[in-house]
Amino acid sequence: GYNNTTDTASAGVVDEHLTSAGVANNDVFWLT
């Protein structure tokens, strides 16, 4: 899920080149 706390480490940023629909549950995607 999304990072929703200021002081929590983020895993990364969801691929900026995905469509506005984003990445579906259980799909694999690029994480910056």
PDB file of all heavy atoms in Angstrom:
ATOM      1  N   GLY A   1       0.819  -1.207   0.000  1.00  0.00           N
ATOM      2  CA  GLY A   1       0.000   0.000   0.000  1.00  0.00           C
ATOM      3  C   GLY A   1       0.847   1.248   0.000  1.00  0.00           C
ATOM      4  O   GLY A   1       2.074   1.201  -0.042  1.00  0.00           O
ATOM      5  N   TYR A   2       0.148   2.376   0.046  1.00  0.00           N
ATOM      6  CA  TYR A   2       0.818   3.666   0.045  1.00  0.00           C
ATOM      7  C   TYR A   2       1.430   3.983   1.402  1.00  0.00           C
ATOM      8  O   TYR A   2       0.905   3.570   2.437  1.00  0.00           O
ATOM      9  CB  TYR A   2      -0.183   4.779  -0.287  1.00  0.00           C
ATOM     10  CG  TYR A   2      -0.787   4.691  -1.651  1.00  0.00           C
ATOM     11  CD1 TYR A   2      -2.169   4.617  -1.805  1.00  0.00           C
ATOM     12  CD2 TYR A   2      -0.004   4.694  -2.794  1.00  0.00           C
ATOM     13  CE1 TYR A   2      -2.743   4.555  -3.062  1.00  0.00           C
ATOM     14  CE2 TYR A   2      -0.565   4.624  -4.049  1.00  0.00           C
ATOM     15  CZ  TYR A   2      -1.937   4.564  -4.182  1.00  0.00           C
ATOM     16  OH  TYR A   2      -2.500   4.499  -5.418  1.00  0.00           O
ATOM     17  N   ASN A   3       2.505   4.731   1.377  1.00  0.00           N
ATOM     18  CA  ASN A   3       3.065   5.247   2.622  1.00  0.00           C
ATOM     19  C   ASN A   3       2.135   6.366   3.085  1.00  0.00           C
ATOM     20  O   ASN A   3       1.850   7.291   2.338  1.00  0.00           O
ATOM     21  CB  ASN A   3       4.480   5.786   2.404  1.00  0.00           C
ATOM     22  CG  ASN A   3       5.157   6.135   3.703  1.00  0.00           C
ATOM     23  OD1 ASN A   3       4.511   6.356   4.710  1.00  0.00           O
ATOM     24  ND2 ASN A   3       6.464   6.190   3.675  1.00  0.00           N
ATOM     25  N   ASN A   4       1.645   6.281   4.311  1.00  0.00           N
ATOM     26  CA  ASN A   4       0.708   7.288   4.804  1.00  0.00           C
ATOM     27  C   ASN A   4       1.168   7.941   6.105  1.00  0.00           C
ATOM     28  O   ASN A   4       0.376   8.541   6.808  1.00  0.00           O
ATOM     29  CB  ASN A   4      -0.687   6.687   4.978  1.00  0.00           C
ATOM     30  CG  ASN A   4      -0.733   5.617   6.043  1.00  0.00           C
ATOM     31  OD1 ASN A   4       0.272   4.981   6.333  1.00  0.00           O
ATOM     32  ND2 ASN A   4      -1.895   5.416   6.627  1.00  0.00           N
ATOM     33  N   THR A   5       2.456   7.822   6.420  1.00  0.00           N
ATOM     34  CA  THR A   5       2.998   8.421   7.633  1.00  0.00           C
ATOM     35  C   THR A   5       4.321   9.108   7.311  1.00  0.00           C
ATOM     36  O   THR A   5       5.209   8.507   6.721  1.00  0.00           O
ATOM     37  CB  THR A   5       3.235   7.342   8.716  1.00  0.00           C
ATOM     38  OG1 THR A   5       2.031   6.599   8.873  1.00  0.00           O
ATOM     39  CG2 THR A   5       3.616   7.972  10.038  1.00  0.00           C
ATOM     40  N   THR A   6       4.446  10.351   7.732  1.00  0.00           N
ATOM     41  CA  THR A   6       5.629  11.150   7.415  1.00  0.00           C
ATOM     42  C   THR A   6       6.928  10.514   7.879  1.00  0.00           C
ATOM     43  O   THR A   6       7.929  10.587   7.185  1.00  0.00           O
ATOM     44  CB  THR A   6       5.479  12.563   8.014  1.00  0.00           C
ATOM     45  OG1 THR A   6       4.325  13.163   7.433  1.00  0.00           O
ATOM     46  CG2 THR A   6       6.688  13.427   7.740  1.00  0.00           C
ATOM     47  N   ASP A   7       6.933   9.888   9.044  1.00  0.00           N
ATOM     48  CA  ASP A   7       8.178   9.355   9.594  1.00  0.00           C
ATOM     49  C   ASP A   7       8.411   7.879   9.287  1.00  0.00           C
ATOM     50  O   ASP A   7       9.200   7.231   9.950  1.00  0.00           O
ATOM     51  CB  ASP A   7       8.213   9.577  11.111  1.00  0.00           C
ATOM     52  CG  ASP A   7       8.295  11.048  11.455  1.00  0.00           C
ATOM     53  OD1 ASP A   7       8.869  11.808  10.663  1.00  0.00           O
ATOM     54  OD2 ASP A   7       7.766  11.431  12.508  1.00  0.00           O
ATOM     55  N   THR A   8       7.727   7.336   8.296  1.00  0.00           N
ATOM     56  CA  THR A   8       7.887   5.931   7.933  1.00  0.00           C
ATOM     57  C   THR A   8       8.698   5.831   6.644  1.00  0.00           C
ATOM     58  O   THR A   8       8.467   6.593   5.700  1.00  0.00           O
ATOM     59  CB  THR A   8       6.510   5.266   7.718  1.00  0.00           C
ATOM     60  OG1 THR A   8       5.765   5.392   8.921  1.00  0.00           O
ATOM     61  CG2 THR A   8       6.651   3.811   7.356  1.00  0.00           C
ATOM     62  N   ALA A   9       9.614   4.891   6.595  1.00  0.00           N
ATOM     63  CA  ALA A   9      10.434   4.704   5.395  1.00  0.00           C
ATOM     64  C   ALA A   9       9.580   4.215   4.234  1.00  0.00           C
ATOM     65  O   ALA A   9       8.712   3.360   4.400  1.00  0.00           O
ATOM     66  CB  ALA A   9      11.545   3.702   5.681  1.00  0.00           C
ATOM     67  N   SER A  10       9.816   4.750   3.068  1.00  0.00           N
ATOM     68  CA  SER A  10       9.131   4.318   1.851  1.00  0.00           C
ATOM     69  C   SER A  10       9.953   3.245   1.156  1.00  0.00           C
ATOM     70  O   SER A  10      11.183   3.274   1.197  1.00  0.00           O
ATOM     71  CB  SER A  10       8.936   5.492   0.892  1.00  0.00           C
ATOM     72  OG  SER A  10       8.079   6.457   1.442  1.00  0.00           O
ATOM     73  N   ALA A  11       9.281   2.307   0.495  1.00  0.00           N
ATOM     74  CA  ALA A  11       9.971   1.301  -0.310  1.00  0.00           C
ATOM     75  C   ALA A  11      10.464   1.923  -1.603  1.00  0.00           C
ATOM     76  O   ALA A  11      11.529   1.592  -2.105  1.00  0.00           O
ATOM     77  CB  ALA A  11       9.046   0.131  -0.600  1.00  0.00           C
ATOM     78  N   GLY A  12       9.679   2.841  -2.158  1.00  0.00           N
ATOM     79  CA  GLY A  12      10.030   3.487  -3.409  1.00  0.00           C
ATOM     80  C   GLY A  12       8.847   4.229  -3.992  1.00  0.00           C
ATOM     81  O   GLY A  12       7.820   4.411  -3.331  1.00  0.00           O
ATOM     82  N   VAL A  13       8.992   4.629  -5.256  1.00  0.00           N
ATOM     83  CA  VAL A  13       7.967   5.388  -5.967  1.00  0.00           C
ATOM     84  C   VAL A  13       7.433   4.523  -7.107  1.00  0.00           C
ATOM     85  O   VAL A  13       8.206   3.988  -7.907  1.00  0.00           O
ATOM     86  CB  VAL A  13       8.541   6.708  -6.524  1.00  0.00           C
ATOM     87  CG1 VAL A  13       7.474   7.504  -7.254  1.00  0.00           C
ATOM     88  CG2 VAL A  13       9.181   7.533  -5.416  1.00  0.00           C
ATOM     89  N   VAL A  14       6.109   4.404  -7.186  1.00  0.00           N
ATOM     90  CA  VAL A  14       5.463   3.625  -8.246  1.00  0.00           C
ATOM     91  C   VAL A  14       5.828   4.225  -9.605  1.00  0.00           C
ATOM     92  O   VAL A  14       5.846   5.447  -9.778  1.00  0.00           O
ATOM     93  CB  VAL A  14       3.930   3.606  -8.060  1.00  0.00           C
ATOM     94  CG1 VAL A  14       3.245   2.859  -9.196  1.00  0.00           C
ATOM     95  CG2 VAL A  14       3.562   2.982  -6.711  1.00  0.00           C
ATOM     96  N   ASP A  15       6.107   3.366 -10.568  1.00  0.00           N
ATOM     97  CA  ASP A  15       6.518   3.744 -11.923  1.00  0.00           C
ATOM     98  C   ASP A  15       5.726   4.939 -12.449  1.00  0.00           C
ATOM     99  O   ASP A  15       4.511   4.887 -12.580  1.00  0.00           O
ATOM    100  CB  ASP A  15       6.328   2.547 -12.854  1.00  0.00           C
ATOM    101  CG  ASP A  15       6.816   2.788 -14.267  1.00  0.00           C
ATOM    102  OD1 ASP A  15       7.229   3.914 -14.606  1.00  0.00           O
ATOM    103  OD2 ASP A  15       6.780   1.817 -15.047  1.00  0.00           O
ATOM    104  N   GLU A  16       6.427   6.016 -12.741  1.00  0.00           N
ATOM    105  CA  GLU A  16       5.803   7.249 -13.220  1.00  0.00           C
ATOM    106  C   GLU A  16       5.222   7.125 -14.624  1.00  0.00           C
ATOM    107  O   GLU A  16       4.424   7.963 -15.038  1.00  0.00           O
ATOM    108  CB  GLU A  16       6.825   8.382 -13.194  1.00  0.00           C
ATOM    109  CG  GLU A  16       7.965   8.156 -14.181  1.00  0.00           C
ATOM    110  CD  GLU A  16       9.148   9.039 -13.931  1.00  0.00           C
ATOM    111  OE1 GLU A  16       9.003  10.270 -13.983  1.00  0.00           O
ATOM    112  OE2 GLU A  16      10.231   8.486 -13.689  1.00  0.00           O
ATOM    113  N   HIS A  17       5.591   6.082 -15.359  1.00  0.00           N
ATOM    114  CA  HIS A  17       5.144   5.936 -16.740  1.00  0.00           C
ATOM    115  C   HIS A  17       3.933   5.020 -16.892  1.00  0.00           C
ATOM    116  O   HIS A  17       3.509   4.744 -18.016  1.00  0.00           O
ATOM    117  CB  HIS A  17       6.306   5.448 -17.616  1.00  0.00           C
ATOM    118  CG  HIS A  17       7.468   6.390 -17.594  1.00  0.00           C
ATOM    119  ND1 HIS A  17       7.415   7.643 -18.149  1.00  0.00           N
ATOM    120  CD2 HIS A  17       8.689   6.277 -17.045  1.00  0.00           C
ATOM    121  CE1 HIS A  17       8.570   8.255 -17.958  1.00  0.00           C
ATOM    122  NE2 HIS A  17       9.356   7.444 -17.289  1.00  0.00           N
ATOM    123  N   LEU A  18       3.361   4.565 -15.773  1.00  0.00           N
ATOM    124  CA  LEU A  18       2.133   3.769 -15.839  1.00  0.00           C
ATOM    125  C   LEU A  18       0.971   4.661 -16.273  1.00  0.00           C
ATOM    126  O   LEU A  18       1.016   5.879 -16.123  1.00  0.00           O
ATOM    127  CB  LEU A  18       1.805   3.175 -14.463  1.00  0.00           C
ATOM    128  CG  LEU A  18       2.714   2.066 -13.959  1.00  0.00           C
ATOM    129  CD1 LEU A  18       2.369   1.725 -12.520  1.00  0.00           C
ATOM    130  CD2 LEU A  18       2.578   0.836 -14.838  1.00  0.00           C
ATOM    131  N   THR A  19      -0.092   4.035 -16.752  1.00  0.00           N
ATOM    132  CA  THR A  19      -1.298   4.796 -17.086  1.00  0.00           C
ATOM    133  C   THR A  19      -1.939   5.311 -15.805  1.00  0.00           C
ATOM    134  O   THR A  19      -1.590   4.881 -14.701  1.00  0.00           O
ATOM    135  CB  THR A  19      -2.317   3.920 -17.830  1.00  0.00           C
ATOM    136  OG1 THR A  19      -2.795   2.915 -16.928  1.00  0.00           O
ATOM    137  CG2 THR A  19      -1.695   3.273 -19.070  1.00  0.00           C
ATOM    138  N   SER A  20      -2.917   6.179 -15.932  1.00  0.00           N
ATOM    139  CA  SER A  20      -3.586   6.747 -14.757  1.00  0.00           C
ATOM    140  C   SER A  20      -4.360   5.698 -13.962  1.00  0.00           C
ATOM    141  O   SER A  20      -4.712   5.929 -12.813  1.00  0.00           O
ATOM    142  CB  SER A  20      -4.527   7.884 -15.174  1.00  0.00           C
ATOM    143  OG  SER A  20      -5.512   7.391 -16.062  1.00  0.00           O
ATOM    144  N   ALA A  21      -4.598   4.524 -14.545  1.00  0.00           N
ATOM    145  CA  ALA A  21      -5.266   3.434 -13.826  1.00  0.00           C
ATOM    146  C   ALA A  21      -4.316   2.775 -12.829  1.00  0.00           C
ATOM    147  O   ALA A  21      -4.748   2.074 -11.915  1.00  0.00           O
ATOM    148  CB  ALA A  21      -5.793   2.393 -14.810  1.00  0.00           C
ATOM    149  N   GLY A  22      -3.019   2.960 -12.997  1.00  0.00           N
ATOM    150  CA  GLY A  22      -2.033   2.401 -12.076  1.00  0.00           C
ATOM    151  C   GLY A  22      -1.763   0.928 -12.319  1.00  0.00           C
ATOM    152  O   GLY A  22      -1.992   0.404 -13.408  1.00  0.00           O
ATOM    153  N   VAL A  23      -1.278   0.265 -11.274  1.00  0.00           N
ATOM    154  CA  VAL A  23      -0.931  -1.151 -11.353  1.00  0.00           C
ATOM    155  C   VAL A  23      -1.949  -1.941 -10.538  1.00  0.00           C
ATOM    156  O   VAL A  23      -2.199  -1.636  -9.375  1.00  0.00           O
ATOM    157  CB  VAL A  23       0.517  -1.422 -10.884  1.00  0.00           C
ATOM    158  CG1 VAL A  23       0.737  -0.971  -9.455  1.00  0.00           C
ATOM    159  CG2 VAL A  23       0.882  -2.876 -11.036  1.00  0.00           C
ATOM    160  N   ALA A  24      -2.553  -2.948 -11.150  1.00  0.00           N
ATOM    161  CA  ALA A  24      -3.594  -3.750 -10.499  1.00  0.00           C
ATOM    162  C   ALA A  24      -3.021  -4.597  -9.375  1.00  0.00           C
ATOM    163  O   ALA A  24      -1.825  -4.914  -9.363  1.00  0.00           O
ATOM    164  CB  ALA A  24      -4.282  -4.640 -11.530  1.00  0.00           C
ATOM    165  N   ASN A  25      -3.873  -4.972  -8.447  1.00  0.00           N
ATOM    166  CA  ASN A  25      -3.473  -5.869  -7.359  1.00  0.00           C
ATOM    167  C   ASN A  25      -2.904  -7.158  -7.942  1.00  0.00           C
ATOM    168  O   ASN A  25      -3.415  -7.686  -8.924  1.00  0.00           O
ATOM    169  CB  ASN A  25      -4.674  -6.180  -6.467  1.00  0.00           C
ATOM    170  CG  ASN A  25      -4.275  -6.961  -5.240  1.00  0.00           C
ATOM    171  OD1 ASN A  25      -3.346  -6.592  -4.535  1.00  0.00           O
ATOM    172  ND2 ASN A  25      -4.954  -8.054  -4.996  1.00  0.00           N
ATOM    173  N   ASN A  26      -1.840  -7.648  -7.357  1.00  0.00           N
ATOM    174  CA  ASN A  26      -1.107  -8.858  -7.740  1.00  0.00           C
ATOM    175  C   ASN A  26      -0.277  -8.727  -9.012  1.00  0.00           C
ATOM    176  O   ASN A  26       0.368  -9.687  -9.408  1.00  0.00           O
ATOM    177  CB  ASN A  26      -2.019 -10.087  -7.830  1.00  0.00           C
ATOM    178  CG  ASN A  26      -2.334 -10.626  -6.454  1.00  0.00           C
ATOM    179  OD1 ASN A  26      -1.500 -10.573  -5.554  1.00  0.00           O
ATOM    180  ND2 ASN A  26      -3.538 -11.126  -6.281  1.00  0.00           N
ATOM    181  N   ASP A  27      -0.271  -7.562  -9.650  1.00  0.00           N
ATOM    182  CA  ASP A  27       0.593  -7.358 -10.813  1.00  0.00           C
ATOM    183  C   ASP A  27       1.993  -6.957 -10.356  1.00  0.00           C
ATOM    184  O   ASP A  27       2.185  -6.407  -9.272  1.00  0.00           O
ATOM    185  CB  ASP A  27       0.041  -6.273 -11.730  1.00  0.00           C
ATOM    186  CG  ASP A  27      -0.951  -6.805 -12.738  1.00  0.00           C
ATOM    187  OD1 ASP A  27      -1.201  -8.026 -12.745  1.00  0.00           O
ATOM    188  OD2 ASP A  27      -1.481  -5.990 -13.517  1.00  0.00           O
ATOM    189  N   VAL A  28       2.974  -7.195 -11.221  1.00  0.00           N
ATOM    190  CA  VAL A  28       4.359  -6.807 -10.982  1.00  0.00           C
ATOM    191  C   VAL A  28       4.608  -5.495 -11.721  1.00  0.00           C
ATOM    192  O   VAL A  28       4.125  -5.305 -12.836  1.00  0.00           O
ATOM    193  CB  VAL A  28       5.330  -7.914 -11.466  1.00  0.00           C
ATOM    194  CG1 VAL A  28       6.771  -7.466 -11.338  1.00  0.00           C
ATOM    195  CG2 VAL A  28       5.089  -9.199 -10.674  1.00  0.00           C
ATOM    196  N   PHE A  29       5.360  -4.601 -11.093  1.00  0.00           N
ATOM    197  CA  PHE A  29       5.632  -3.298 -11.706  1.00  0.00           C
ATOM    198  C   PHE A  29       7.012  -2.807 -11.283  1.00  0.00           C
ATOM    199  O   PHE A  29       7.640  -3.369 -10.397  1.00  0.00           O
ATOM    200  CB  PHE A  29       4.554  -2.278 -11.299  1.00  0.00           C
ATOM    201  CG  PHE A  29       4.560  -1.921  -9.838  1.00  0.00           C
ATOM    202  CD1 PHE A  29       5.181  -0.755  -9.395  1.00  0.00           C
ATOM    203  CD2 PHE A  29       3.954  -2.736  -8.890  1.00  0.00           C
ATOM    204  CE1 PHE A  29       5.199  -0.428  -8.050  1.00  0.00           C
ATOM    205  CE2 PHE A  29       3.955  -2.409  -7.549  1.00  0.00           C
ATOM    206  CZ  PHE A  29       4.580  -1.248  -7.126  1.00  0.00           C
ATOM    207  N   TRP A  30       7.475  -1.731 -11.943  1.00  0.00           N
ATOM    208  CA  TRP A  30       8.761  -1.127 -11.605  1.00  0.00           C
ATOM    209  C   TRP A  30       8.578  -0.142 -10.464  1.00  0.00           C
ATOM    210  O   TRP A  30       7.670   0.688 -10.472  1.00  0.00           O
ATOM    211  CB  TRP A  30       9.368  -0.396 -12.796  1.00  0.00           C
ATOM    212  CG  TRP A  30       9.832  -1.296 -13.878  1.00  0.00           C
ATOM    213  CD1 TRP A  30       9.333  -1.378 -15.143  1.00  0.00           C
ATOM    214  CD2 TRP A  30      10.902  -2.248 -13.807  1.00  0.00           C
ATOM    215  NE1 TRP A  30      10.022  -2.319 -15.852  1.00  0.00           N
ATOM    216  CE2 TRP A  30      10.991  -2.877 -15.059  1.00  0.00           C
ATOM    217  CE3 TRP A  30      11.785  -2.639 -12.802  1.00  0.00           C
ATOM    218  CZ2 TRP A  30      11.925  -3.855 -15.345  1.00  0.00           C
ATOM    219  CZ3 TRP A  30      12.717  -3.619 -13.077  1.00  0.00           C
ATOM    220  CH2 TRP A  30      12.782  -4.215 -14.339  1.00  0.00           C
ATOM    221  N   LEU A  31       9.489  -0.227  -9.501  1.00  0.00           N
ATOM    222  CA  LEU A  31       9.505   0.656  -8.350  1.00  0.00           C
ATOM    223  C   LEU A  31      10.832   1.401  -8.360  1.00  0.00           C
ATOM    224  O   LEU A  31      11.897   0.782  -8.331  1.00  0.00           O
ATOM    225  CB  LEU A  31       9.381  -0.178  -7.066  1.00  0.00           C
ATOM    226  CG  LEU A  31       9.302   0.580  -5.749  1.00  0.00           C
ATOM    227  CD1 LEU A  31       7.948   1.279  -5.626  1.00  0.00           C
ATOM    228  CD2 LEU A  31       9.494  -0.381  -4.584  1.00  0.00           C
ATOM    229  N   THR A  32      10.788   2.724  -8.438  1.00  0.00           N
ATOM    230  CA  THR A  32      12.019   3.513  -8.411  1.00  0.00           C
ATOM    231  C   THR A  32      12.530   3.599  -6.979  1.00  0.00           C
ATOM    232  O   THR A  32      11.798   4.013  -6.074  1.00  0.00           O
ATOM    233  CB  THR A  32      11.782   4.936  -8.949  1.00  0.00           C
ATOM    234  OG1 THR A  32      11.294   4.848 -10.284  1.00  0.00           O
ATOM    235  CG2 THR A  32      13.075   5.753  -8.936  1.00  0.00           C
TER     236      THR A  32
END
